[in-house]
Amino acid sequence: MAAKTPAPPPSPVAQFESSLDELEQLVQKMEKGEMSLDESLAAYERGVNLYRQCQGALEQAELRVRLLTDPADPDSAQPFAPDAG
């Protein structure tokens, strides 16, 4: 039998989107107030982990943008300015 090659890990962008979706669903569930204390604590802990994953993915994306903007001097990149709207 041929050995199956493991699937490549999802990209940080895909992980971010998946984590953000799960975090949003978790918040909605918690806001309903129908969870027990144990369930709420577990949901809060999971939410903190998801938040950290999202934050890490955003930091990686920012680093990639900086490297693409100026590979020789990524620290010279300016932060993105919010849309003036």
N, C-alpha and C. Protein backbone atom coordinates (compact mmCIF):
# COMPACT_ATOMS: atom_id res chain seq x y z
N MET A 1 0.83 -1.18 0.00
CA MET A 1 0.00 0.00 0.00
C MET A 1 0.87 1.24 0.00
N ALA A 2 0.44 2.23 -0.74
CA ALA A 2 1.17 3.49 -0.78
C ALA A 2 0.79 4.33 0.42
N ALA A 3 1.81 4.92 1.02
CA ALA A 3 1.56 5.77 2.18
C ALA A 3 0.98 7.11 1.72
N LYS A 4 0.00 7.56 2.43
CA LYS A 4 -0.59 8.85 2.09
C LYS A 4 0.30 9.95 2.64
N THR A 5 0.49 10.98 1.82
CA THR A 5 1.25 12.12 2.31
C THR A 5 0.31 13.00 3.11
N PRO A 6 0.78 13.51 4.23
CA PRO A 6 -0.10 14.34 5.05
C PRO A 6 -0.44 15.63 4.31
N ALA A 7 -1.63 16.10 4.54
CA ALA A 7 -2.06 17.35 3.91
C ALA A 7 -1.25 18.50 4.48
N PRO A 8 -0.91 19.47 3.65
CA PRO A 8 -0.15 20.61 4.17
C PRO A 8 -1.01 21.38 5.17
N PRO A 9 -0.36 21.99 6.16
CA PRO A 9 -1.14 22.75 7.14
C PRO A 9 -1.82 23.94 6.45
N PRO A 10 -2.97 24.36 6.97
CA PRO A 10 -3.66 25.48 6.36
C PRO A 10 -2.81 26.75 6.46
N SER A 11 -3.00 27.63 5.51
CA SER A 11 -2.23 28.88 5.52
C SER A 11 -2.64 29.72 6.72
N PRO A 12 -1.77 30.64 7.16
CA PRO A 12 -2.13 31.51 8.28
C PRO A 12 -3.41 32.30 8.00
N VAL A 13 -3.64 32.67 6.74
CA VAL A 13 -4.86 33.41 6.41
C VAL A 13 -6.08 32.52 6.61
N ALA A 14 -6.01 31.29 6.15
CA ALA A 14 -7.12 30.36 6.33
C ALA A 14 -7.34 30.08 7.82
N GLN A 15 -6.27 29.93 8.57
CA GLN A 15 -6.39 29.71 10.01
C GLN A 15 -7.02 30.92 10.68
N PHE A 16 -6.63 32.13 10.24
CA PHE A 16 -7.19 33.34 10.81
C PHE A 16 -8.70 33.38 10.59
N GLU A 17 -9.11 33.14 9.35
CA GLU A 17 -10.53 33.21 9.03
C GLU A 17 -11.32 32.16 9.81
N SER A 18 -10.78 30.97 9.91
CA SER A 18 -11.44 29.89 10.64
C SER A 18 -11.52 30.24 12.13
N SER A 19 -10.42 30.74 12.69
CA SER A 19 -10.40 31.10 14.11
C SER A 19 -11.35 32.25 14.40
N LEU A 20 -11.39 33.24 13.51
CA LEU A 20 -12.27 34.38 13.70
C LEU A 20 -13.74 33.95 13.63
N ASP A 21 -14.07 33.08 12.69
CA ASP A 21 -15.45 32.57 12.60
C ASP A 21 -15.84 31.83 13.88
N GLU A 22 -14.94 30.98 14.35
CA GLU A 22 -15.24 30.23 15.57
C GLU A 22 -15.38 31.17 16.77
N LEU A 23 -14.52 32.18 16.83
CA LEU A 23 -14.58 33.14 17.93
C LEU A 23 -15.91 33.91 17.91
N GLU A 24 -16.35 34.33 16.72
CA GLU A 24 -17.62 35.04 16.61
C GLU A 24 -18.78 34.15 17.06
N GLN A 25 -18.76 32.89 16.66
CA GLN A 25 -19.82 31.96 17.07
C GLN A 25 -19.82 31.75 18.58
N LEU A 26 -18.62 31.66 19.14
CA LEU A 26 -18.48 31.47 20.57
C LEU A 26 -19.03 32.67 21.33
N VAL A 27 -18.73 33.86 20.88
CA VAL A 27 -19.22 35.08 21.53
C VAL A 27 -20.75 35.12 21.47
N GLN A 28 -21.32 34.81 20.32
CA GLN A 28 -22.78 34.81 20.19
C GLN A 28 -23.41 33.82 21.17
N LYS A 29 -22.80 32.65 21.27
CA LYS A 29 -23.30 31.61 22.17
C LYS A 29 -23.23 32.09 23.63
N MET A 30 -22.13 32.73 23.98
CA MET A 30 -21.97 33.21 25.36
C MET A 30 -22.93 34.36 25.66
N GLU A 31 -23.19 35.21 24.67
CA GLU A 31 -24.07 36.36 24.89
C GLU A 31 -25.52 35.93 25.15
N LYS A 32 -25.89 34.75 24.69
CA LYS A 32 -27.25 34.26 24.94
C LYS A 32 -27.47 33.98 26.42
N GLY A 33 -26.38 33.70 27.15
CA GLY A 33 -26.49 33.47 28.59
C GLY A 33 -27.08 32.14 28.97
N GLU A 34 -27.04 31.19 28.09
CA GLU A 34 -27.66 29.89 28.36
C GLU A 34 -26.64 28.81 28.73
N MET A 35 -25.39 29.22 28.97
CA MET A 35 -24.34 28.25 29.27
C MET A 35 -24.14 28.16 30.78
N SER A 36 -23.76 26.97 31.23
CA SER A 36 -23.43 26.80 32.63
C SER A 36 -22.11 27.51 32.93
N LEU A 37 -21.77 27.62 34.19
CA LEU A 37 -20.52 28.27 34.57
C LEU A 37 -19.33 27.52 33.98
N ASP A 38 -19.34 26.21 34.07
CA ASP A 38 -18.24 25.41 33.51
C ASP A 38 -18.13 25.62 32.00
N GLU A 39 -19.27 25.61 31.32
CA GLU A 39 -19.27 25.82 29.87
C GLU A 39 -18.77 27.23 29.53
N SER A 40 -19.18 28.21 30.32
CA SER A 40 -18.75 29.59 30.10
C SER A 40 -17.25 29.75 30.29
N LEU A 41 -16.72 29.12 31.32
CA LEU A 41 -15.27 29.20 31.56
C LEU A 41 -14.49 28.52 30.44
N ALA A 42 -14.97 27.37 30.00
CA ALA A 42 -14.31 26.67 28.90
C ALA A 42 -14.40 27.50 27.62
N ALA A 43 -15.55 28.11 27.38
CA ALA A 43 -15.72 28.95 26.19
C ALA A 43 -14.81 30.17 26.26
N TYR A 44 -14.70 30.77 27.43
CA TYR A 44 -13.83 31.93 27.60
C TYR A 44 -12.37 31.54 27.32
N GLU A 45 -11.95 30.41 27.87
CA GLU A 45 -10.58 29.94 27.65
C GLU A 45 -10.34 29.68 26.16
N ARG A 46 -11.29 29.05 25.50
CA ARG A 46 -11.16 28.80 24.06
C ARG A 46 -11.12 30.13 23.30
N GLY A 47 -11.93 31.08 23.72
CA GLY A 47 -11.95 32.39 23.09
C GLY A 47 -10.62 33.11 23.20
N VAL A 48 -9.99 33.02 24.35
CA VAL A 48 -8.68 33.65 24.54
C VAL A 48 -7.66 33.00 23.61
N ASN A 49 -7.70 31.69 23.49
CA ASN A 49 -6.77 30.99 22.59
C ASN A 49 -7.02 31.39 21.14
N LEU A 50 -8.28 31.48 20.75
CA LEU A 50 -8.61 31.89 19.38
C LEU A 50 -8.15 33.32 19.11
N TYR A 51 -8.36 34.20 20.09
CA TYR A 51 -7.92 35.59 19.95
C TYR A 51 -6.40 35.65 19.74
N ARG A 52 -5.68 34.88 20.51
CA ARG A 52 -4.21 34.86 20.36
C ARG A 52 -3.79 34.33 19.00
N GLN A 53 -4.48 33.32 18.50
CA GLN A 53 -4.18 32.80 17.16
C GLN A 53 -4.43 33.87 16.11
N CYS A 54 -5.54 34.58 16.24
CA CYS A 54 -5.87 35.64 15.28
C CYS A 54 -4.82 36.75 15.33
N GLN A 55 -4.44 37.14 16.52
CA GLN A 55 -3.45 38.20 16.69
C GLN A 55 -2.12 37.77 16.06
N GLY A 56 -1.72 36.54 16.27
CA GLY A 56 -0.48 36.03 15.68
C GLY A 56 -0.53 36.02 14.17
N ALA A 57 -1.68 35.61 13.62
CA ALA A 57 -1.83 35.58 12.16
C ALA A 57 -1.76 36.99 11.59
N LEU A 58 -2.37 37.96 12.28
CA LEU A 58 -2.31 39.35 11.82
C LEU A 58 -0.88 39.88 11.86
N GLU A 59 -0.14 39.53 12.89
CA GLU A 59 1.25 39.96 12.99
C GLU A 59 2.09 39.36 11.86
N GLN A 60 1.84 38.09 11.54
CA GLN A 60 2.56 37.46 10.43
C GLN A 60 2.22 38.12 9.11
N ALA A 61 0.95 38.46 8.92
CA ALA A 61 0.53 39.13 7.68
C ALA A 61 1.20 40.50 7.57
N GLU A 62 1.26 41.23 8.67
CA GLU A 62 1.90 42.54 8.66
C GLU A 62 3.38 42.41 8.31
N LEU A 63 4.04 41.42 8.88
CA LEU A 63 5.45 41.19 8.58
C LEU A 63 5.64 40.87 7.10
N ARG A 64 4.78 40.03 6.55
CA ARG A 64 4.88 39.70 5.12
C ARG A 64 4.72 40.95 4.26
N VAL A 65 3.77 41.80 4.63
CA VAL A 65 3.56 43.04 3.87
C VAL A 65 4.80 43.92 3.95
N ARG A 66 5.37 44.01 5.14
CA ARG A 66 6.59 44.83 5.31
C ARG A 66 7.74 44.28 4.46
N LEU A 67 7.88 42.97 4.47
CA LEU A 67 8.96 42.36 3.69
C LEU A 67 8.74 42.56 2.19
N LEU A 68 7.49 42.51 1.76
CA LEU A 68 7.20 42.73 0.35
C LEU A 68 7.36 44.19 -0.04
N THR A 69 7.08 45.09 0.88
CA THR A 69 7.19 46.52 0.60
C THR A 69 8.64 46.93 0.42
N ASP A 70 9.49 46.49 1.34
CA ASP A 70 10.91 46.83 1.25
C ASP A 70 11.73 45.70 1.86
N PRO A 71 12.10 44.71 1.04
CA PRO A 71 12.82 43.55 1.57
C PRO A 71 14.15 43.90 2.22
N ALA A 72 14.77 44.99 1.78
CA ALA A 72 16.07 45.36 2.33
C ALA A 72 15.95 46.01 3.70
N ASP A 73 14.81 46.67 3.96
CA ASP A 73 14.64 47.39 5.22
C ASP A 73 13.19 47.30 5.69
N PRO A 74 12.75 46.14 6.17
CA PRO A 74 11.35 45.99 6.55
C PRO A 74 10.93 46.89 7.70
N ASP A 75 11.89 47.33 8.53
CA ASP A 75 11.55 48.19 9.66
C ASP A 75 11.20 49.61 9.22
N SER A 76 11.50 49.96 7.98
CA SER A 76 11.19 51.31 7.52
C SER A 76 9.75 51.45 7.07
N ALA A 77 9.03 50.35 7.00
CA ALA A 77 7.63 50.40 6.55
C ALA A 77 6.80 51.19 7.54
N GLN A 78 5.88 51.97 7.02
CA GLN A 78 4.98 52.76 7.86
C GLN A 78 3.72 51.96 8.13
N PRO A 79 3.14 52.16 9.31
CA PRO A 79 1.88 51.45 9.59
C PRO A 79 0.80 51.92 8.63
N PHE A 80 -0.18 51.03 8.42
CA PHE A 80 -1.29 51.38 7.56
C PHE A 80 -2.12 52.46 8.22
N ALA A 81 -2.53 53.45 7.45
CA ALA A 81 -3.39 54.49 7.98
C ALA A 81 -4.84 54.07 7.75
N PRO A 82 -5.68 54.28 8.76
CA PRO A 82 -7.09 53.92 8.58
C PRO A 82 -7.71 54.80 7.50
N ASP A 83 -8.71 54.27 6.86
CA ASP A 83 -9.41 55.03 5.82
C ASP A 83 -10.02 56.29 6.43
N ALA A 84 -9.80 57.40 5.79
CA ALA A 84 -10.42 58.65 6.24
C ALA A 84 -11.81 58.69 5.64
N GLY A 85 -12.79 58.41 6.41
CA GLY A 85 -14.10 58.31 5.82
C GLY A 85 -15.08 59.03 6.57
